[in-house]
């Protein structure tokens, strides 16, 4: 659900909810100073260096309020942008521009911030065989936008939701009775097309997961030395994923460990927004 086409198909209902949240009974500030139609234009300006993501969503907000809106784009999705750069000019009903401004910027700033933060970590992983993944630690009703932004920034997506794949975490293992029992039950009850990933917290769990036939073994909150030992134990029998409080600041300690994947909730829950403004609105 994170490719551009699927995003466009699914985005409208979430954008509509965001607009309803912000304009529940009309925009009284705008309506009192602009009671009737007047065409205008405003400039979309970047106020910080980064990677731009969410231009379609930004435009779609205004289209829902004004079908005649025009957006002249000077950048493309995924472009690097600079502080002070003019990225677009929007033209349309001034009332729509004023009423949609905050919602549109919220999406664009949030998505661009995630793409920028993701890209900064992807660059740190250049030259390794490790792939950077996001997680399900996303803002409610923002997942399709946030996971899409991760991809724009050069990262990859883990599961989109609970229907996407088997992930046996500590509580699943506790409910089943052991890793071995959990994997056996998963293989019995899920389609063969789904891989089975198991979360492990120590080397004994790693050994059990590998012996029981896990397809992917997550090394959760392990030290670099523990992860190196885990990879030796697994010995190619499963793919490996490192997880647990991974950020831009500490990922350098993991890069040379040799895991196949590194997942980081920080990509979506801790990325700062990219500072972007809609300025110089005037009548035309």
C-alpha atoms as a PDB file:
ATOM      1  CA  UNK A   1       0.000   0.000   0.000  1.00  0.00           C
ATOM      2  CA  UNK A   2       3.001   2.254  -0.129  1.00  0.00           C
ATOM      3  CA  UNK A   3       3.541   2.796  -3.852  1.00  0.00           C
ATOM      4  CA  UNK A   4       2.398   6.137  -5.348  1.00  0.00           C
ATOM      5  CA  UNK A   5      -0.613   4.664  -7.178  1.00  0.00           C
ATOM      6  CA  UNK A   6      -1.990   2.870  -4.128  1.00  0.00           C
ATOM      7  CA  UNK A   7      -1.363   5.940  -1.987  1.00  0.00           C
ATOM      8  CA  UNK A   8      -3.503   8.015  -4.336  1.00  0.00           C
ATOM      9  CA  UNK A   9      -6.301   5.438  -4.261  1.00  0.00           C
ATOM     10  CA  UNK A  10      -6.426   5.321  -0.461  1.00  0.00           C
ATOM     11  CA  UNK A  11      -5.434   8.844   0.530  1.00  0.00           C
ATOM     12  CA  UNK A  12      -8.712  10.697   0.017  1.00  0.00           C
ATOM     13  CA  UNK A  13     -10.597   9.263   2.990  1.00  0.00           C
ATOM     14  CA  UNK A  14      -7.787  10.167   5.388  1.00  0.00           C
ATOM     15  CA  UNK A  15      -7.344  13.640   3.917  1.00  0.00           C
ATOM     16  CA  UNK A  16     -11.084  14.189   4.215  1.00  0.00           C
ATOM     17  CA  UNK A  17     -10.978  13.216   7.902  1.00  0.00           C
ATOM     18  CA  UNK A  18      -8.115  15.626   8.485  1.00  0.00           C
ATOM     19  CA  UNK A  19     -10.037  18.448   6.836  1.00  0.00           C
ATOM     20  CA  UNK A  20     -13.168  17.610   8.824  1.00  0.00           C
ATOM     21  CA  UNK A  21     -11.102  17.747  11.994  1.00  0.00           C
ATOM     22  CA  UNK A  22      -9.857  21.249  11.141  1.00  0.00           C
ATOM     23  CA  UNK A  23     -13.009  22.688   9.558  1.00  0.00           C
ATOM     24  CA  UNK A  24     -15.787  21.060  11.584  1.00  0.00           C
ATOM     25  CA  UNK A  25     -18.226  23.979  11.276  1.00  0.00           C
ATOM     26  CA  UNK A  26     -16.531  26.255   8.748  1.00  0.00           C
ATOM     27  CA  UNK A  27     -13.425  28.424   8.774  1.00  0.00           C
ATOM     28  CA  UNK A  28     -14.772  31.518  10.523  1.00  0.00           C
ATOM     29  CA  UNK A  29     -11.507  33.478  10.260  1.00  0.00           C
ATOM     30  CA  UNK A  30     -11.398  33.085   6.489  1.00  0.00           C
ATOM     31  CA  UNK A  31     -15.130  33.543   5.930  1.00  0.00           C
ATOM     32  CA  UNK A  32     -15.233  36.869   7.746  1.00  0.00           C
ATOM     33  CA  UNK A  33     -12.399  38.456   5.717  1.00  0.00           C
ATOM     34  CA  UNK A  34     -13.111  36.690   2.398  1.00  0.00           C
ATOM     35  CA  UNK A  35     -16.895  36.173   2.172  1.00  0.00           C
ATOM     36  CA  UNK A  36     -16.959  35.440  -1.567  1.00  0.00           C
ATOM     37  CA  UNK A  37     -14.786  33.952  -4.302  1.00  0.00           C
ATOM     38  CA  UNK A  38     -11.539  35.699  -5.131  1.00  0.00           C
ATOM     39  CA  UNK A  39      -8.704  34.066  -7.028  1.00  0.00           C
ATOM     40  CA  UNK A  40      -5.271  34.309  -5.456  1.00  0.00           C
ATOM     41  CA  UNK A  41      -1.858  32.718  -5.368  1.00  0.00           C
ATOM     42  CA  UNK A  42       0.750  31.826  -2.758  1.00  0.00           C
ATOM     43  CA  UNK A  43       4.314  30.498  -2.730  1.00  0.00           C
ATOM     44  CA  UNK A  44       5.390  27.183  -1.230  1.00  0.00           C
ATOM     45  CA  UNK A  45       8.822  27.836   0.264  1.00  0.00           C
ATOM     46  CA  UNK A  46      11.253  25.437   1.888  1.00  0.00           C
ATOM     47  CA  UNK A  47      12.879  26.834   5.026  1.00  0.00           C
ATOM     48  CA  UNK A  48      15.246  23.938   5.688  1.00  0.00           C
ATOM     49  CA  UNK A  49      17.431  21.571   3.640  1.00  0.00           C
ATOM     50  CA  UNK A  50      15.921  18.128   3.164  1.00  0.00           C
ATOM     51  CA  UNK A  51      14.105  15.603   0.988  1.00  0.00           C
ATOM     52  CA  UNK A  52      10.623  16.517  -0.214  1.00  0.00           C
ATOM     53  CA  UNK A  53       7.811  13.958   0.094  1.00  0.00           C
ATOM     54  CA  UNK A  54       4.037  14.266  -0.099  1.00  0.00           C
ATOM     55  CA  UNK A  55       3.557  16.745  -2.933  1.00  0.00           C
ATOM     56  CA  UNK A  56       0.544  14.832  -4.226  1.00  0.00           C
ATOM     57  CA  UNK A  57      -1.066  14.865  -0.792  1.00  0.00           C
ATOM     58  CA  UNK A  58      -0.380  18.591  -0.423  1.00  0.00           C
ATOM     59  CA  UNK A  59      -2.103  19.276  -3.741  1.00  0.00           C
ATOM     60  CA  UNK A  60      -4.995  16.920  -3.033  1.00  0.00           C
ATOM     61  CA  UNK A  61      -5.949  18.814   0.129  1.00  0.00           C
ATOM     62  CA  UNK A  62      -6.625  21.939  -1.902  1.00  0.00           C
ATOM     63  CA  UNK A  63      -8.339  20.039  -4.724  1.00  0.00           C
ATOM     64  CA  UNK A  64     -10.903  18.772  -2.240  1.00  0.00           C
ATOM     65  CA  UNK A  65     -11.708  22.368  -1.325  1.00  0.00           C
ATOM     66  CA  UNK A  66     -11.420  23.903  -4.798  1.00  0.00           C
ATOM     67  CA  UNK A  67     -11.648  21.767  -7.952  1.00  0.00           C
ATOM     68  CA  UNK A  68     -10.107  24.565 -10.027  1.00  0.00           C
ATOM     69  CA  UNK A  69      -6.908  24.890  -7.983  1.00  0.00           C
ATOM     70  CA  UNK A  70      -3.641  24.951  -9.945  1.00  0.00           C
ATOM     71  CA  UNK A  71      -0.232  24.003  -8.597  1.00  0.00           C
ATOM     72  CA  UNK A  72       2.890  24.931 -10.554  1.00  0.00           C
ATOM     73  CA  UNK A  73       5.591  22.596  -9.221  1.00  0.00           C
ATOM     74  CA  UNK A  74       9.279  23.451  -9.414  1.00  0.00           C
ATOM     75  CA  UNK A  75      10.417  20.288  -7.598  1.00  0.00           C
ATOM     76  CA  UNK A  76       9.578  16.603  -7.895  1.00  0.00           C
ATOM     77  CA  UNK A  77       8.889  13.939  -5.288  1.00  0.00           C
ATOM     78  CA  UNK A  78      12.115  12.806  -3.637  1.00  0.00           C
ATOM     79  CA  UNK A  79      14.143  15.843  -4.685  1.00  0.00           C
ATOM     80  CA  UNK A  80      16.697  17.392  -2.378  1.00  0.00           C
ATOM     81  CA  UNK A  81      15.544  20.894  -1.460  1.00  0.00           C
ATOM     82  CA  UNK A  82      17.378  23.846   0.054  1.00  0.00           C
ATOM     83  CA  UNK A  83      16.537  26.497   2.616  1.00  0.00           C
ATOM     84  CA  UNK A  84      14.798  29.398   0.864  1.00  0.00           C
ATOM     85  CA  UNK A  85      13.948  27.437  -2.281  1.00  0.00           C
ATOM     86  CA  UNK A  86      10.641  28.187  -4.057  1.00  0.00           C
ATOM     87  CA  UNK A  87       9.074  24.769  -4.562  1.00  0.00           C
ATOM     88  CA  UNK A  88       5.663  25.612  -6.006  1.00  0.00           C
ATOM     89  CA  UNK A  89       3.077  28.306  -6.646  1.00  0.00           C
ATOM     90  CA  UNK A  90      -0.548  27.542  -5.833  1.00  0.00           C
ATOM     91  CA  UNK A  91      -3.398  29.397  -7.551  1.00  0.00           C
ATOM     92  CA  UNK A  92      -7.082  29.171  -6.747  1.00  0.00           C
ATOM     93  CA  UNK A  93      -9.899  30.334  -4.517  1.00  0.00           C
ATOM     94  CA  UNK A  94      -8.271  32.277  -1.682  1.00  0.00           C
ATOM     95  CA  UNK A  95     -10.793  30.762   0.732  1.00  0.00           C
ATOM     96  CA  UNK A  96      -9.630  27.257  -0.160  1.00  0.00           C
ATOM     97  CA  UNK A  97      -5.966  28.225   0.131  1.00  0.00           C
ATOM     98  CA  UNK A  98      -6.496  29.718   3.587  1.00  0.00           C
ATOM     99  CA  UNK A  99      -8.682  26.882   4.869  1.00  0.00           C
ATOM    100  CA  UNK A 100      -6.482  24.078   3.529  1.00  0.00           C
ATOM    101  CA  UNK A 101      -3.108  25.607   4.364  1.00  0.00           C
ATOM    102  CA  UNK A 102      -2.513  24.001   7.752  1.00  0.00           C
ATOM    103  CA  UNK A 103      -3.730  20.534   6.821  1.00  0.00           C
ATOM    104  CA  UNK A 104      -1.722  20.519   3.588  1.00  0.00           C
ATOM    105  CA  UNK A 105       1.430  21.702   5.332  1.00  0.00           C
ATOM    106  CA  UNK A 106       0.979  19.199   8.156  1.00  0.00           C
ATOM    107  CA  UNK A 107       1.121  16.366   5.639  1.00  0.00           C
ATOM    108  CA  UNK A 108       3.971  17.819   3.602  1.00  0.00           C
ATOM    109  CA  UNK A 109       6.118  18.760   6.611  1.00  0.00           C
ATOM    110  CA  UNK A 110       5.586  15.415   8.331  1.00  0.00           C
ATOM    111  CA  UNK A 111       6.210  13.296   5.252  1.00  0.00           C
ATOM    112  CA  UNK A 112       9.231  15.335   4.163  1.00  0.00           C
ATOM    113  CA  UNK A 113      10.667  15.132   7.667  1.00  0.00           C
ATOM    114  CA  UNK A 114      10.399  11.339   7.623  1.00  0.00           C
ATOM    115  CA  UNK A 115      11.934  11.127   4.146  1.00  0.00           C
ATOM    116  CA  UNK A 116      14.787  13.411   5.228  1.00  0.00           C
ATOM    117  CA  UNK A 117      15.527  11.501   8.437  1.00  0.00           C
ATOM    118  CA  UNK A 118      15.293   8.146   6.656  1.00  0.00           C
ATOM    119  CA  UNK A 119      17.657   9.310   3.934  1.00  0.00           C
ATOM    120  CA  UNK A 120      20.239  10.434   6.473  1.00  0.00           C
ATOM    121  CA  UNK A 121      20.350   6.896   7.913  1.00  0.00           C
ATOM    122  CA  UNK A 122      20.309   5.221   4.500  1.00  0.00           C
ATOM    123  CA  UNK A 123      23.451   7.174   3.650  1.00  0.00           C
ATOM    124  CA  UNK A 124      25.147   5.797   6.763  1.00  0.00           C
ATOM    125  CA  UNK A 125      24.399   2.257   5.540  1.00  0.00           C
ATOM    126  CA  UNK A 126      25.881   2.807   2.071  1.00  0.00           C
ATOM    127  CA  UNK A 127      28.446   0.131   1.243  1.00  0.00           C
ATOM    128  CA  UNK A 128      26.881  -2.461   3.552  1.00  0.00           C
ATOM    129  CA  UNK A 129      24.449  -5.213   2.563  1.00  0.00           C
ATOM    130  CA  UNK A 130      22.011  -4.158   5.294  1.00  0.00           C
ATOM    131  CA  UNK A 131      18.533  -2.831   4.390  1.00  0.00           C
ATOM    132  CA  UNK A 132      16.829  -0.199   6.528  1.00  0.00           C
ATOM    133  CA  UNK A 133      13.206  -0.951   7.508  1.00  0.00           C
ATOM    134  CA  UNK A 134      10.436   0.959   9.225  1.00  0.00           C
ATOM    135  CA  UNK A 135       7.983  -0.511  11.781  1.00  0.00           C
ATOM    136  CA  UNK A 136       4.296  -0.295  12.712  1.00  0.00           C
ATOM    137  CA  UNK A 137       5.087   2.488  15.198  1.00  0.00           C
ATOM    138  CA  UNK A 138       3.220   5.053  13.142  1.00  0.00           C
ATOM    139  CA  UNK A 139       0.751   7.841  13.888  1.00  0.00           C
ATOM    140  CA  UNK A 140      -2.856   6.540  13.819  1.00  0.00           C
ATOM    141  CA  UNK A 141      -4.468   7.206  10.418  1.00  0.00           C
ATOM    142  CA  UNK A 142      -1.104   8.348   9.034  1.00  0.00           C
ATOM    143  CA  UNK A 143       0.478   4.979   8.241  1.00  0.00           C
ATOM    144  CA  UNK A 144       0.015   5.066   4.463  1.00  0.00           C
ATOM    145  CA  UNK A 145       1.632   8.504   4.342  1.00  0.00           C
ATOM    146  CA  UNK A 146       4.455   7.792   6.787  1.00  0.00           C
ATOM    147  CA  UNK A 147       5.484   4.459   5.293  1.00  0.00           C
ATOM    148  CA  UNK A 148       5.353   5.975   1.813  1.00  0.00           C
ATOM    149  CA  UNK A 149       7.654   8.757   3.024  1.00  0.00           C
ATOM    150  CA  UNK A 150      10.139   6.163   4.297  1.00  0.00           C
ATOM    151  CA  UNK A 151      10.365   4.753   0.770  1.00  0.00           C
ATOM    152  CA  UNK A 152      10.812   8.222  -0.728  1.00  0.00           C
ATOM    153  CA  UNK A 153      13.749   8.640   1.651  1.00  0.00           C
ATOM    154  CA  UNK A 154      15.364   5.443   0.412  1.00  0.00           C
ATOM    155  CA  UNK A 155      14.242   3.068   3.159  1.00  0.00           C
ATOM    156  CA  UNK A 156      12.103  -0.054   2.857  1.00  0.00           C
ATOM    157  CA  UNK A 157       8.870  -1.120   4.503  1.00  0.00           C
ATOM    158  CA  UNK A 158       8.404  -3.882   7.057  1.00  0.00           C
ATOM    159  CA  UNK A 159       4.839  -5.168   7.533  1.00  0.00           C
ATOM    160  CA  UNK A 160       2.171  -2.643   6.646  1.00  0.00           C
ATOM    161  CA  UNK A 161      -0.231  -4.162   9.157  1.00  0.00           C
ATOM    162  CA  UNK A 162      -1.030  -7.344  11.064  1.00  0.00           C
ATOM    163  CA  UNK A 163      -2.385  -9.007   7.924  1.00  0.00           C
ATOM    164  CA  UNK A 164       0.906  -8.793   6.059  1.00  0.00           C
ATOM    165  CA  UNK A 165       3.067 -11.433   7.704  1.00  0.00           C
ATOM    166  CA  UNK A 166       3.718 -13.660  10.712  1.00  0.00           C
ATOM    167  CA  UNK A 167       5.691 -11.949  13.469  1.00  0.00           C
ATOM    168  CA  UNK A 168       5.974 -14.010  16.641  1.00  0.00           C
ATOM    169  CA  UNK A 169       6.867 -11.616  19.455  1.00  0.00           C
ATOM    170  CA  UNK A 170       7.410 -12.296  23.149  1.00  0.00           C
ATOM    171  CA  UNK A 171       3.719 -12.427  24.017  1.00  0.00           C
ATOM    172  CA  UNK A 172       2.897 -14.731  21.097  1.00  0.00           C
ATOM    173  CA  UNK A 173       5.660 -17.053  22.286  1.00  0.00           C
ATOM    174  CA  UNK A 174       4.361 -16.842  25.843  1.00  0.00           C
ATOM    175  CA  UNK A 175       0.845 -17.667  24.697  1.00  0.00           C
ATOM    176  CA  UNK A 176       2.045 -20.672  22.680  1.00  0.00           C
ATOM    177  CA  UNK A 177       4.365 -21.972  25.402  1.00  0.00           C
ATOM    178  CA  UNK A 178       7.701 -21.806  23.568  1.00  0.00           C
ATOM    179  CA  UNK A 179       9.341 -20.649  20.360  1.00  0.00           C
ATOM    180  CA  UNK A 180       9.264 -24.163  18.952  1.00  0.00           C
ATOM    181  CA  UNK A 181       5.550 -24.557  19.658  1.00  0.00           C
ATOM    182  CA  UNK A 182       4.771 -21.108  18.258  1.00  0.00           C
ATOM    183  CA  UNK A 183       6.602 -21.812  14.996  1.00  0.00           C
ATOM    184  CA  UNK A 184       4.962 -25.232  14.662  1.00  0.00           C
ATOM    185  CA  UNK A 185       1.515 -23.709  15.161  1.00  0.00           C
ATOM    186  CA  UNK A 186       2.286 -20.946  12.667  1.00  0.00           C
ATOM    187  CA  UNK A 187       3.366 -23.436  10.024  1.00  0.00           C
ATOM    188  CA  UNK A 188       0.206 -25.444  10.622  1.00  0.00           C
ATOM    189  CA  UNK A 189      -2.239 -22.557  10.565  1.00  0.00           C
ATOM    190  CA  UNK A 190      -0.895 -20.002   8.087  1.00  0.00           C
ATOM    191  CA  UNK A 191      -0.537 -20.183   4.315  1.00  0.00           C
ATOM    192  CA  UNK A 192       2.806 -21.423   3.000  1.00  0.00           C
ATOM    193  CA  UNK A 193       3.273 -18.141   1.146  1.00  0.00           C
ATOM    194  CA  UNK A 194       3.911 -16.280   4.425  1.00  0.00           C
ATOM    195  CA  UNK A 195       7.352 -16.219   6.001  1.00  0.00           C
ATOM    196  CA  UNK A 196       7.602 -16.649   9.753  1.00  0.00           C
ATOM    197  CA  UNK A 197       9.625 -14.136  11.751  1.00  0.00           C
ATOM    198  CA  UNK A 198      10.501 -14.685  15.407  1.00  0.00           C
ATOM    199  CA  UNK A 199      11.623 -12.082  17.917  1.00  0.00           C
ATOM    200  CA  UNK A 200      14.509 -13.229  20.113  1.00  0.00           C
ATOM    201  CA  UNK A 201      16.133 -11.581  23.119  1.00  0.00           C
ATOM    202  CA  UNK A 202      19.094 -13.865  23.848  1.00  0.00           C
ATOM    203  CA  UNK A 203      21.270 -16.478  22.194  1.00  0.00           C
ATOM    204  CA  UNK A 204      19.300 -19.440  23.569  1.00  0.00           C
ATOM    205  CA  UNK A 205      16.192 -18.063  21.885  1.00  0.00           C
ATOM    206  CA  UNK A 206      18.163 -17.541  18.670  1.00  0.00           C
ATOM    207  CA  UNK A 207      19.290 -21.158  18.704  1.00  0.00           C
ATOM    208  CA  UNK A 208      15.772 -22.436  19.321  1.00  0.00           C
ATOM    209  CA  UNK A 209      14.271 -20.264  16.580  1.00  0.00           C
ATOM    210  CA  UNK A 210      16.856 -21.377  14.038  1.00  0.00           C
ATOM    211  CA  UNK A 211      16.456 -25.051  14.936  1.00  0.00           C
ATOM    212  CA  UNK A 212      12.654 -24.777  14.723  1.00  0.00           C
ATOM    213  CA  UNK A 213      12.777 -23.379  11.190  1.00  0.00           C
ATOM    214  CA  UNK A 214      12.112 -19.657  11.497  1.00  0.00           C
ATOM    215  CA  UNK A 215      12.494 -17.823   8.186  1.00  0.00           C
ATOM    216  CA  UNK A 216      13.581 -14.541   9.798  1.00  0.00           C
ATOM    217  CA  UNK A 217      15.073 -14.076  13.245  1.00  0.00           C
ATOM    218  CA  UNK A 218      14.845 -10.683  14.895  1.00  0.00           C
ATOM    219  CA  UNK A 219      17.693  -9.846  17.271  1.00  0.00           C
ATOM    220  CA  UNK A 220      15.952  -7.568  19.729  1.00  0.00           C
ATOM    221  CA  UNK A 221      17.956  -5.167  21.895  1.00  0.00           C
ATOM    222  CA  UNK A 222      21.140  -7.238  21.648  1.00  0.00           C
ATOM    223  CA  UNK A 223      24.651  -5.838  21.860  1.00  0.00           C
ATOM    224  CA  UNK A 224      26.795  -5.854  18.692  1.00  0.00           C
ATOM    225  CA  UNK A 225      28.848  -8.752  20.058  1.00  0.00           C
ATOM    226  CA  UNK A 226      25.703 -10.754  20.855  1.00  0.00           C
ATOM    227  CA  UNK A 227      24.417 -10.133  17.340  1.00  0.00           C
ATOM    228  CA  UNK A 228      27.674 -11.336  15.806  1.00  0.00           C
ATOM    229  CA  UNK A 229      27.434 -14.527  17.828  1.00  0.00           C
ATOM    230  CA  UNK A 230      23.771 -14.917  16.853  1.00  0.00           C
ATOM    231  CA  UNK A 231      24.668 -14.688  13.174  1.00  0.00           C
ATOM    232  CA  UNK A 232      27.209 -17.498  13.678  1.00  0.00           C
ATOM    233  CA  UNK A 233      24.564 -19.640  15.368  1.00  0.00           C
ATOM    234  CA  UNK A 234      22.025 -19.018  12.606  1.00  0.00           C
ATOM    235  CA  UNK A 235      24.682 -19.809   9.986  1.00  0.00           C
ATOM    236  CA  UNK A 236      22.553 -18.835   6.997  1.00  0.00           C
ATOM    237  CA  UNK A 237      19.483 -20.805   8.059  1.00  0.00           C
ATOM    238  CA  UNK A 238      17.378 -17.636   8.385  1.00  0.00           C
ATOM    239  CA  UNK A 239      17.478 -13.976   7.494  1.00  0.00           C
ATOM    240  CA  UNK A 240      18.453 -11.688  10.344  1.00  0.00           C
ATOM    241  CA  UNK A 241      16.913  -8.428  11.542  1.00  0.00           C
ATOM    242  CA  UNK A 242      18.253  -6.122  14.214  1.00  0.00           C
ATOM    243  CA  UNK A 243      15.734  -4.098  16.202  1.00  0.00           C
ATOM    244  CA  UNK A 244      15.419  -2.112  19.411  1.00  0.00           C
ATOM    245  CA  UNK A 245      15.846   1.653  19.863  1.00  0.00           C
ATOM    246  CA  UNK A 246      17.819   2.092  16.642  1.00  0.00           C
ATOM    247  CA  UNK A 247      18.428   5.757  15.825  1.00  0.00           C
ATOM    248  CA  UNK A 248      20.688   7.838  13.609  1.00  0.00           C
ATOM    249  CA  UNK A 249      22.945   8.421  16.601  1.00  0.00           C
ATOM    250  CA  UNK A 250      23.608   4.769  17.504  1.00  0.00           C
ATOM    251  CA  UNK A 251      23.275   2.928  14.188  1.00  0.00           C
ATOM    252  CA  UNK A 252      27.008   3.319  13.568  1.00  0.00           C
ATOM    253  CA  UNK A 253      27.548   0.648  16.235  1.00  0.00           C
ATOM    254  CA  UNK A 254      25.554  -1.881  14.210  1.00  0.00           C
ATOM    255  CA  UNK A 255      26.610  -1.241  10.613  1.00  0.00           C
ATOM    256  CA  UNK A 256      29.463  -3.748  10.524  1.00  0.00           C
ATOM    257  CA  UNK A 257      27.660  -6.503  12.462  1.00  0.00           C
ATOM    258  CA  UNK A 258      26.361  -8.119   9.270  1.00  0.00           C
ATOM    259  CA  UNK A 259      22.595  -8.348   9.785  1.00  0.00           C
ATOM    260  CA  UNK A 260      20.386  -8.444   6.709  1.00  0.00           C
ATOM    261  CA  UNK A 261      17.925  -5.851   8.003  1.00  0.00           C
ATOM    262  CA  UNK A 262      17.801  -3.082  10.574  1.00  0.00           C
ATOM    263  CA  UNK A 263      14.330  -1.906  11.637  1.00  0.00           C
ATOM    264  CA  UNK A 264      13.849   1.439  13.301  1.00  0.00           C
ATOM    265  CA  UNK A 265      10.645   2.831  14.774  1.00  0.00           C
ATOM    266  CA  UNK A 266      12.412   6.192  14.995  1.00  0.00           C
ATOM    267  CA  UNK A 267      11.940   6.670  11.233  1.00  0.00           C
ATOM    268  CA  UNK A 268       8.260   7.370  11.803  1.00  0.00           C
ATOM    269  CA  UNK A 269       7.846   8.184  15.490  1.00  0.00           C
ATOM    270  CA  UNK A 270      10.835  10.464  16.041  1.00  0.00           C
ATOM    271  CA  UNK A 271      11.650  12.177  12.741  1.00  0.00           C
ATOM    272  CA  UNK A 272      11.399  15.975  13.059  1.00  0.00           C
ATOM    273  CA  UNK A 273       9.262  17.792  10.526  1.00  0.00           C
ATOM    274  CA  UNK A 274      10.839  19.626   7.601  1.00  0.00           C
ATOM    275  CA  UNK A 275      10.166  23.359   7.939  1.00  0.00           C
ATOM    276  CA  UNK A 276       8.006  24.448   4.976  1.00  0.00           C
ATOM    277  CA  UNK A 277       5.773  27.529   4.641  1.00  0.00           C
ATOM    278  CA  UNK A 278       3.043  28.850   2.400  1.00  0.00           C
ATOM    279  CA  UNK A 279       3.819  32.545   1.995  1.00  0.00           C
ATOM    280  CA  UNK A 280       2.958  35.719   0.085  1.00  0.00           C
ATOM    281  CA  UNK A 281      -0.743  35.002  -0.482  1.00  0.00           C
ATOM    282  CA  UNK A 282      -2.292  37.753  -2.610  1.00  0.00           C
ATOM    283  CA  UNK A 283      -5.173  38.383  -4.979  1.00  0.00           C
ATOM    284  CA  UNK A 284      -4.704  37.963  -8.724  1.00  0.00           C
END
